PDB file of N, CA and C in Angstrom:
ATOM      1  N   MET A   1       0.849  -1.167   0.000  1.00  0.00           N
ATOM      2  CA  MET A   1       0.000   0.000   0.000  1.00  0.00           C
ATOM      3  C   MET A   1       0.904   1.238   0.005  1.00  0.00           C
ATOM      4  N   PRO A   2       0.726   2.153  -0.925  1.00  0.00           N
ATOM      5  CA  PRO A   2       1.530   3.372  -0.956  1.00  0.00           C
ATOM      6  C   PRO A   2       1.094   4.362   0.130  1.00  0.00           C
ATOM      7  N   PHE A   3       1.970   5.316   0.396  1.00  0.00           N
ATOM      8  CA  PHE A   3       1.631   6.365   1.354  1.00  0.00           C
ATOM      9  C   PHE A   3       0.582   7.291   0.720  1.00  0.00           C
ATOM     10  N   THR A   4      -0.507   7.488   1.435  1.00  0.00           N
ATOM     11  CA  THR A   4      -1.522   8.442   0.982  1.00  0.00           C
ATOM     12  C   THR A   4      -1.170   9.807   1.564  1.00  0.00           C
ATOM     13  N   SER A   5      -1.823  10.832   1.092  1.00  0.00           N
ATOM     14  CA  SER A   5      -1.571  12.160   1.629  1.00  0.00           C
ATOM     15  C   SER A   5      -1.951  12.225   3.124  1.00  0.00           C
ATOM     16  N   ASP A   6      -2.980  11.477   3.519  1.00  0.00           N
ATOM     17  CA  ASP A   6      -3.349  11.423   4.945  1.00  0.00           C
ATOM     18  C   ASP A   6      -2.223  10.825   5.784  1.00  0.00           C
ATOM     19  N   LEU A   7      -1.628   9.726   5.296  1.00  0.00           N
ATOM     20  CA  LEU A   7      -0.533   9.091   6.030  1.00  0.00           C
ATOM     21  C   LEU A   7       0.694   9.984   6.077  1.00  0.00           C
ATOM     22  N   VAL A   8       0.976  10.678   5.005  1.00  0.00           N
ATOM     23  CA  VAL A   8       2.102  11.602   4.987  1.00  0.00           C
ATOM     24  C   VAL A   8       1.882  12.706   6.022  1.00  0.00           C
ATOM     25  N   GLY A   9       0.670  13.206   6.119  1.00  0.00           N
ATOM     26  CA  GLY A   9       0.347  14.214   7.135  1.00  0.00           C
ATOM     27  C   GLY A   9       0.545  13.688   8.534  1.00  0.00           C
ATOM     28  N   GLU A  10       0.188  12.436   8.769  1.00  0.00           N
ATOM     29  CA  GLU A  10       0.369  11.826  10.084  1.00  0.00           C
ATOM     30  C   GLU A  10       1.851  11.642  10.392  1.00  0.00           C
ATOM     31  N   LEU A  11       2.617  11.198   9.397  1.00  0.00           N
ATOM     32  CA  LEU A  11       4.064  11.037   9.598  1.00  0.00           C
ATOM     33  C   LEU A  11       4.712  12.383   9.880  1.00  0.00           C
ATOM     34  N   ASN A  12       4.291  13.416   9.160  1.00  0.00           N
ATOM     35  CA  ASN A  12       4.828  14.750   9.394  1.00  0.00           C
ATOM     36  C   ASN A  12       4.505  15.246  10.794  1.00  0.00           C
ATOM     37  N   THR A  13       3.372  14.883  11.319  1.00  0.00           N
ATOM     38  CA  THR A  13       3.031  15.255  12.685  1.00  0.00           C
ATOM     39  C   THR A  13       3.886  14.502  13.671  1.00  0.00           C
ATOM     40  N   LEU A  14       4.098  13.218  13.464  1.00  0.00           N
ATOM     41  CA  LEU A  14       4.889  12.410  14.382  1.00  0.00           C
ATOM     42  C   LEU A  14       6.344  12.851  14.478  1.00  0.00           C
ATOM     43  N   ILE A  15       6.890  13.412  13.415  1.00  0.00           N
ATOM     44  CA  ILE A  15       8.295  13.797  13.467  1.00  0.00           C
ATOM     45  C   ILE A  15       8.523  15.068  14.282  1.00  0.00           C
ATOM     46  N   HIS A  16       7.445  15.734  14.689  1.00  0.00           N
ATOM     47  CA  HIS A  16       7.594  16.948  15.498  1.00  0.00           C
ATOM     48  C   HIS A  16       7.745  16.658  16.995  1.00  0.00           C
ATOM     49  N   PHE A  17       7.598  15.426  17.388  1.00  0.00           N
ATOM     50  CA  PHE A  17       7.728  15.082  18.803  1.00  0.00           C
ATOM     51  C   PHE A  17       9.192  14.926  19.181  1.00  0.00           C
ATOM     52  N   ASP A  18       9.571  15.468  20.330  1.00  0.00           N
ATOM     53  CA  ASP A  18      10.923  15.333  20.860  1.00  0.00           C
ATOM     54  C   ASP A  18      10.992  14.000  21.593  1.00  0.00           C
ATOM     55  N   LEU A  19      11.746  13.067  21.053  1.00  0.00           N
ATOM     56  CA  LEU A  19      11.828  11.729  21.631  1.00  0.00           C
ATOM     57  C   LEU A  19      12.836  11.637  22.786  1.00  0.00           C
ATOM     58  N   ASP A  20      13.532  12.746  23.049  1.00  0.00           N
ATOM     59  CA  ASP A  20      14.479  12.753  24.157  1.00  0.00           C
ATOM     60  C   ASP A  20      13.795  12.905  25.514  1.00  0.00           C
ATOM     61  N   THR A  21      12.510  13.235  25.504  1.00  0.00           N
ATOM     62  CA  THR A  21      11.782  13.403  26.759  1.00  0.00           C
ATOM     63  C   THR A  21      10.332  12.951  26.583  1.00  0.00           C
ATOM     64  N   THR A  22       9.775  12.460  27.667  1.00  0.00           N
ATOM     65  CA  THR A  22       8.343  12.106  27.659  1.00  0.00           C
ATOM     66  C   THR A  22       7.527  13.234  28.266  1.00  0.00           C
ATOM     67  N   GLN A  23       8.205  14.283  28.706  1.00  0.00           N
ATOM     68  CA  GLN A  23       7.543  15.398  29.391  1.00  0.00           C
ATOM     69  C   GLN A  23       7.115  16.521  28.460  1.00  0.00           C
ATOM     70  N   GLN A  24       7.321  16.346  27.168  1.00  0.00           N
ATOM     71  CA  GLN A  24       6.990  17.406  26.217  1.00  0.00           C
ATOM     72  C   GLN A  24       6.059  16.846  25.146  1.00  0.00           C
ATOM     73  N   GLY A  25       4.934  17.500  24.980  1.00  0.00           N
ATOM     74  CA  GLY A  25       3.983  17.116  23.943  1.00  0.00           C
ATOM     75  C   GLY A  25       3.859  18.223  22.911  1.00  0.00           C
ATOM     76  N   ILE A  26       2.807  18.151  22.129  1.00  0.00           N
ATOM     77  CA  ILE A  26       2.542  19.215  21.171  1.00  0.00           C
ATOM     78  C   ILE A  26       1.094  19.659  21.297  1.00  0.00           C
ATOM     79  N   LYS A  27       0.832  20.861  20.876  1.00  0.00           N
ATOM     80  CA  LYS A  27      -0.525  21.419  20.900  1.00  0.00           C
ATOM     81  C   LYS A  27      -0.810  21.970  19.506  1.00  0.00           C
ATOM     82  N   ILE A  28      -1.828  21.439  18.873  1.00  0.00           N
ATOM     83  CA  ILE A  28      -2.229  21.921  17.556  1.00  0.00           C
ATOM     84  C   ILE A  28      -3.388  22.890  17.758  1.00  0.00           C
ATOM     85  N   HIS A  29      -3.173  24.133  17.452  1.00  0.00           N
ATOM     86  CA  HIS A  29      -4.186  25.157  17.654  1.00  0.00           C
ATOM     87  C   HIS A  29      -5.253  25.116  16.569  1.00  0.00           C
ATOM     88  N   LYS A  30      -6.421  25.609  16.869  1.00  0.00           N
ATOM     89  CA  LYS A  30      -7.544  25.595  15.921  1.00  0.00           C
ATOM     90  C   LYS A  30      -7.276  26.448  14.685  1.00  0.00           C
ATOM     91  N   THR A  31      -6.254  27.296  14.735  1.00  0.00           N
ATOM     92  CA  THR A  31      -5.902  28.128  13.582  1.00  0.00           C
ATOM     93  C   THR A  31      -4.825  27.469  12.714  1.00  0.00           C
ATOM     94  N   ALA A  32      -4.390  26.261  13.082  1.00  0.00           N
ATOM     95  CA  ALA A  32      -3.388  25.542  12.288  1.00  0.00           C
ATOM     96  C   ALA A  32      -3.967  25.119  10.955  1.00  0.00           C
ATOM     97  N   ASP A  33      -3.082  24.705  10.068  1.00  0.00           N
ATOM     98  CA  ASP A  33      -3.492  24.188   8.761  1.00  0.00           C
ATOM     99  C   ASP A  33      -4.505  23.068   8.964  1.00  0.00           C
ATOM    100  N   PRO A  34      -5.619  23.081   8.246  1.00  0.00           N
ATOM    101  CA  PRO A  34      -6.650  22.054   8.415  1.00  0.00           C
ATOM    102  C   PRO A  34      -6.120  20.623   8.211  1.00  0.00           C
ATOM    103  N   GLU A  35      -5.121  20.444   7.348  1.00  0.00           N
ATOM    104  CA  GLU A  35      -4.548  19.108   7.148  1.00  0.00           C
ATOM    105  C   GLU A  35      -3.811  18.627   8.396  1.00  0.00           C
ATOM    106  N   ILE A  36      -3.148  19.548   9.086  1.00  0.00           N
ATOM    107  CA  ILE A  36      -2.438  19.186  10.306  1.00  0.00           C
ATOM    108  C   ILE A  36      -3.437  18.854  11.410  1.00  0.00           C
ATOM    109  N   ILE A  37      -4.493  19.625  11.506  1.00  0.00           N
ATOM    110  CA  ILE A  37      -5.547  19.362  12.493  1.00  0.00           C
ATOM    111  C   ILE A  37      -6.153  17.982  12.235  1.00  0.00           C
ATOM    112  N   ALA A  38      -6.449  17.686  10.980  1.00  0.00           N
ATOM    113  CA  ALA A  38      -7.047  16.395  10.634  1.00  0.00           C
ATOM    114  C   ALA A  38      -6.092  15.244  10.945  1.00  0.00           C
ATOM    115  N   ALA A  39      -4.814  15.419  10.615  1.00  0.00           N
ATOM    116  CA  ALA A  39      -3.816  14.370  10.885  1.00  0.00           C
ATOM    117  C   ALA A  39      -3.715  14.087  12.379  1.00  0.00           C
ATOM    118  N   THR A  40      -3.726  15.153  13.177  1.00  0.00           N
ATOM    119  CA  THR A  40      -3.626  14.996  14.627  1.00  0.00           C
ATOM    120  C   THR A  40      -4.857  14.280  15.176  1.00  0.00           C
ATOM    121  N   ARG A  41      -5.999  14.593  14.665  1.00  0.00           N
ATOM    122  CA  ARG A  41      -7.231  13.913  15.096  1.00  0.00           C
ATOM    123  C   ARG A  41      -7.199  12.433  14.732  1.00  0.00           C
ATOM    124  N   ARG A  42      -6.679  12.124  13.532  1.00  0.00           N
ATOM    125  CA  ARG A  42      -6.586  10.713  13.128  1.00  0.00           C
ATOM    126  C   ARG A  42      -5.606   9.966  14.017  1.00  0.00           C
ATOM    127  N   LEU A  43      -4.483  10.592  14.352  1.00  0.00           N
ATOM    128  CA  LEU A  43      -3.513   9.944  15.229  1.00  0.00           C
ATOM    129  C   LEU A  43      -4.118   9.682  16.612  1.00  0.00           C
ATOM    130  N   HIS A  44      -4.920  10.622  17.090  1.00  0.00           N
ATOM    131  CA  HIS A  44      -5.602  10.413  18.372  1.00  0.00           C
ATOM    132  C   HIS A  44      -6.595   9.247  18.265  1.00  0.00           C
ATOM    133  N   ALA A  45      -7.349   9.214  17.185  1.00  0.00           N
ATOM    134  CA  ALA A  45      -8.345   8.145  16.997  1.00  0.00           C
ATOM    135  C   ALA A  45      -7.671   6.778  16.887  1.00  0.00           C
ATOM    136  N   LYS A  46      -6.455   6.739  16.392  1.00  0.00           N
ATOM    137  CA  LYS A  46      -5.708   5.495  16.256  1.00  0.00           C
ATOM    138  C   LYS A  46      -5.005   5.089  17.542  1.00  0.00           C
ATOM    139  N   GLY A  47      -5.094   5.953  18.566  1.00  0.00           N
ATOM    140  CA  GLY A  47      -4.503   5.640  19.858  1.00  0.00           C
ATOM    141  C   GLY A  47      -3.030   6.018  19.960  1.00  0.00           C
ATOM    142  N   LEU A  48      -2.547   6.902  19.099  1.00  0.00           N
ATOM    143  CA  LEU A  48      -1.144   7.289  19.130  1.00  0.00           C
ATOM    144  C   LEU A  48      -0.886   8.568  19.934  1.00  0.00           C
ATOM    145  N   LEU A  49      -1.909   9.385  20.112  1.00  0.00           N
ATOM    146  CA  LEU A  49      -1.803  10.627  20.872  1.00  0.00           C
ATOM    147  C   LEU A  49      -2.829  10.627  21.989  1.00  0.00           C
ATOM    148  N   THR A  50      -2.493  11.327  23.076  1.00  0.00           N
ATOM    149  CA  THR A  50      -3.381  11.340  24.236  1.00  0.00           C
ATOM    150  C   THR A  50      -4.554  12.313  24.100  1.00  0.00           C
ATOM    151  N   GLN A  51      -4.401  13.323  23.247  1.00  0.00           N
ATOM    152  CA  GLN A  51      -5.456  14.330  23.098  1.00  0.00           C
ATOM    153  C   GLN A  51      -5.794  14.528  21.614  1.00  0.00           C
ATOM    154  N   ILE A  52      -7.003  14.928  21.341  1.00  0.00           N
ATOM    155  CA  ILE A  52      -7.438  15.142  19.963  1.00  0.00           C
ATOM    156  C   ILE A  52      -6.665  16.277  19.284  1.00  0.00           C
ATOM    157  N   ASP A  53      -6.136  17.188  20.101  1.00  0.00           N
ATOM    158  CA  ASP A  53      -5.355  18.313  19.548  1.00  0.00           C
ATOM    159  C   ASP A  53      -3.865  18.175  19.810  1.00  0.00           C
ATOM    160  N   GLY A  54      -3.443  16.952  20.030  1.00  0.00           N
ATOM    161  CA  GLY A  54      -2.026  16.672  20.232  1.00  0.00           C
ATOM    162  C   GLY A  54      -1.766  15.967  21.535  1.00  0.00           C
ATOM    163  N   GLY A  55      -1.277  16.723  22.500  1.00  0.00           N
ATOM    164  CA  GLY A  55      -0.976  16.120  23.783  1.00  0.00           C
ATOM    165  C   GLY A  55       0.343  15.370  23.729  1.00  0.00           C
ATOM    166  N   TYR A  56       0.363  14.215  24.353  1.00  0.00           N
ATOM    167  CA  TYR A  56       1.570  13.402  24.442  1.00  0.00           C
ATOM    168  C   TYR A  56       1.413  12.159  23.607  1.00  0.00           C
ATOM    169  N   LEU A  57       2.545  11.543  23.297  1.00  0.00           N
ATOM    170  CA  LEU A  57       2.525  10.263  22.601  1.00  0.00           C
ATOM    171  C   LEU A  57       2.116   9.155  23.574  1.00  0.00           C
ATOM    172  N   THR A  58       1.295   8.247  23.114  1.00  0.00           N
ATOM    173  CA  THR A  58       1.037   7.035  23.877  1.00  0.00           C
ATOM    174  C   THR A  58       2.226   6.101  23.654  1.00  0.00           C
ATOM    175  N   SER A  59       2.233   4.962  24.266  1.00  0.00           N
ATOM    176  CA  SER A  59       3.304   3.993  24.052  1.00  0.00           C
ATOM    177  C   SER A  59       3.386   3.606  22.565  1.00  0.00           C
ATOM    178  N   LEU A  60       2.240   3.330  21.977  1.00  0.00           N
ATOM    179  CA  LEU A  60       2.192   3.006  20.560  1.00  0.00           C
ATOM    180  C   LEU A  60       2.614   4.201  19.708  1.00  0.00           C
ATOM    181  N   GLY A  61       2.206   5.377  20.114  1.00  0.00           N
ATOM    182  CA  GLY A  61       2.585   6.587  19.397  1.00  0.00           C
ATOM    183  C   GLY A  61       4.078   6.823  19.448  1.00  0.00           C
ATOM    184  N   ARG A  62       4.685   6.544  20.589  1.00  0.00           N
ATOM    185  CA  ARG A  62       6.142   6.689  20.692  1.00  0.00           C
ATOM    186  C   ARG A  62       6.844   5.742  19.730  1.00  0.00           C
ATOM    187  N   ASP A  63       6.382   4.498  19.681  1.00  0.00           N
ATOM    188  CA  ASP A  63       6.959   3.533  18.728  1.00  0.00           C
ATOM    189  C   ASP A  63       6.846   4.068  17.297  1.00  0.00           C
ATOM    190  N   ALA A  64       5.671   4.564  16.964  1.00  0.00           N
ATOM    191  CA  ALA A  64       5.442   5.074  15.610  1.00  0.00           C
ATOM    192  C   ALA A  64       6.325   6.285  15.332  1.00  0.00           C
ATOM    193  N   ALA A  65       6.448   7.186  16.292  1.00  0.00           N
ATOM    194  CA  ALA A  65       7.287   8.372  16.121  1.00  0.00           C
ATOM    195  C   ALA A  65       8.755   7.995  15.962  1.00  0.00           C
ATOM    196  N   GLU A  66       9.196   7.017  16.744  1.00  0.00           N
ATOM    197  CA  GLU A  66      10.590   6.561  16.616  1.00  0.00           C
ATOM    198  C   GLU A  66      10.853   6.021  15.219  1.00  0.00           C
ATOM    199  N   HIS A  67       9.927   5.233  14.724  1.00  0.00           N
ATOM    200  CA  HIS A  67      10.087   4.664  13.371  1.00  0.00           C
ATOM    201  C   HIS A  67      10.004   5.739  12.295  1.00  0.00           C
ATOM    202  N   ALA A  68       9.083   6.674  12.451  1.00  0.00           N
ATOM    203  CA  ALA A  68       8.937   7.745  11.474  1.00  0.00           C
ATOM    204  C   ALA A  68      10.202   8.597  11.427  1.00  0.00           C
ATOM    205  N   GLN A  69      10.731   8.923  12.612  1.00  0.00           N
ATOM    206  CA  GLN A  69      11.928   9.745  12.659  1.00  0.00           C
ATOM    207  C   GLN A  69      13.149   8.992  12.135  1.00  0.00           C
ATOM    208  N   ALA A  70      13.228   7.699  12.423  1.00  0.00           N
ATOM    209  CA  ALA A  70      14.331   6.895  11.896  1.00  0.00           C
ATOM    210  C   ALA A  70      14.246   6.804  10.366  1.00  0.00           C
ATOM    211  N   ALA A  71      13.063   6.579   9.844  1.00  0.00           N
ATOM    212  CA  ALA A  71      12.909   6.510   8.387  1.00  0.00           C
ATOM    213  C   ALA A  71      13.308   7.836   7.737  1.00  0.00           C
ATOM    214  N   LEU A  72      12.895   8.942   8.333  1.00  0.00           N
ATOM    215  CA  LEU A  72      13.264  10.246   7.796  1.00  0.00           C
ATOM    216  C   LEU A  72      14.778  10.427   7.790  1.00  0.00           C
ATOM    217  N   THR A  73      15.440  10.033   8.873  1.00  0.00           N
ATOM    218  CA  THR A  73      16.887  10.148   8.951  1.00  0.00           C
ATOM    219  C   THR A  73      17.569   9.315   7.858  1.00  0.00           C
ATOM    220  N   ILE A  74      17.103   8.098   7.690  1.00  0.00           N
ATOM    221  CA  ILE A  74      17.676   7.217   6.671  1.00  0.00           C
ATOM    222  C   ILE A  74      17.449   7.775   5.273  1.00  0.00           C
ATOM    223  N   LEU A  75      16.244   8.211   4.996  1.00  0.00           N
ATOM    224  CA  LEU A  75      15.890   8.655   3.654  1.00  0.00           C
ATOM    225  C   LEU A  75      16.503  10.009   3.294  1.00  0.00           C
ATOM    226  N   THR A  76      16.901  10.790   4.269  1.00  0.00           N
ATOM    227  CA  THR A  76      17.493  12.090   3.979  1.00  0.00           C
ATOM    228  C   THR A  76      19.017  12.074   4.141  1.00  0.00           C
ATOM    229  N   SER A  77      19.586  10.923   4.418  1.00  0.00           N
ATOM    230  CA  SER A  77      21.048  10.828   4.554  1.00  0.00           C
ATOM    231  C   SER A  77      21.670  10.648   3.181  1.00  0.00           C
ATOM    232  N   LEU A  78      22.971  10.819   3.139  1.00  0.00           N
ATOM    233  CA  LEU A  78      23.693  10.664   1.881  1.00  0.00           C
ATOM    234  C   LEU A  78      23.611   9.213   1.400  1.00  0.00           C
ATOM    235  N   PRO A  79      23.619   8.982   0.109  1.00  0.00           N
ATOM    236  CA  PRO A  79      23.617   7.622  -0.407  1.00  0.00           C
ATOM    237  C   PRO A  79      24.811   6.834   0.099  1.00  0.00           C
ATOM    238  N   TYR A  80      24.641   5.548   0.232  1.00  0.00           N
ATOM    239  CA  TYR A  80      25.692   4.659   0.725  1.00  0.00           C
ATOM    240  C   TYR A  80      26.951   4.815  -0.109  1.00  0.00           C
ATOM    241  N   GLY A  81      28.070   4.994   0.547  1.00  0.00           N
ATOM    242  CA  GLY A  81      29.340   5.111  -0.150  1.00  0.00           C
ATOM    243  C   GLY A  81      29.661   6.534  -0.576  1.00  0.00           C
ATOM    244  N   THR A  82      28.763   7.468  -0.311  1.00  0.00           N
ATOM    245  CA  THR A  82      28.994   8.859  -0.688  1.00  0.00           C
ATOM    246  C   THR A  82      29.595   9.581   0.509  1.00  0.00           C
ATOM    247  N   SER A  83      30.599  10.397   0.235  1.00  0.00           N
ATOM    248  CA  SER A  83      31.170  11.194   1.319  1.00  0.00           C
ATOM    249  C   SER A  83      30.884  12.660   1.063  1.00  0.00           C
ATOM    250  N   ARG A  84      30.967  13.436   2.118  1.00  0.00           N
ATOM    251  CA  ARG A  84      30.709  14.878   1.996  1.00  0.00           C
ATOM    252  C   ARG A  84      31.862  15.598   1.449  1.00  0.00           C
TER     253      ARG A  84
END
């Protein structure tokens, strides 16, 4: 299954979480981009966020955010064997 625009929005939301601490969440304001608001609501409905407007990552959400951030790091790194 390819990434849909909804899934990309959810991944983009997950990469904004600071994984170095569990004491910091995010708050999506009602004036935010409607796509970001919708992505955050979907993540909450899937059990990845504690609040409909963001909040903290659940245990499952933390796993998803770790994987999303790792994938982003891998995909944005230099190709194998390439030096700077």
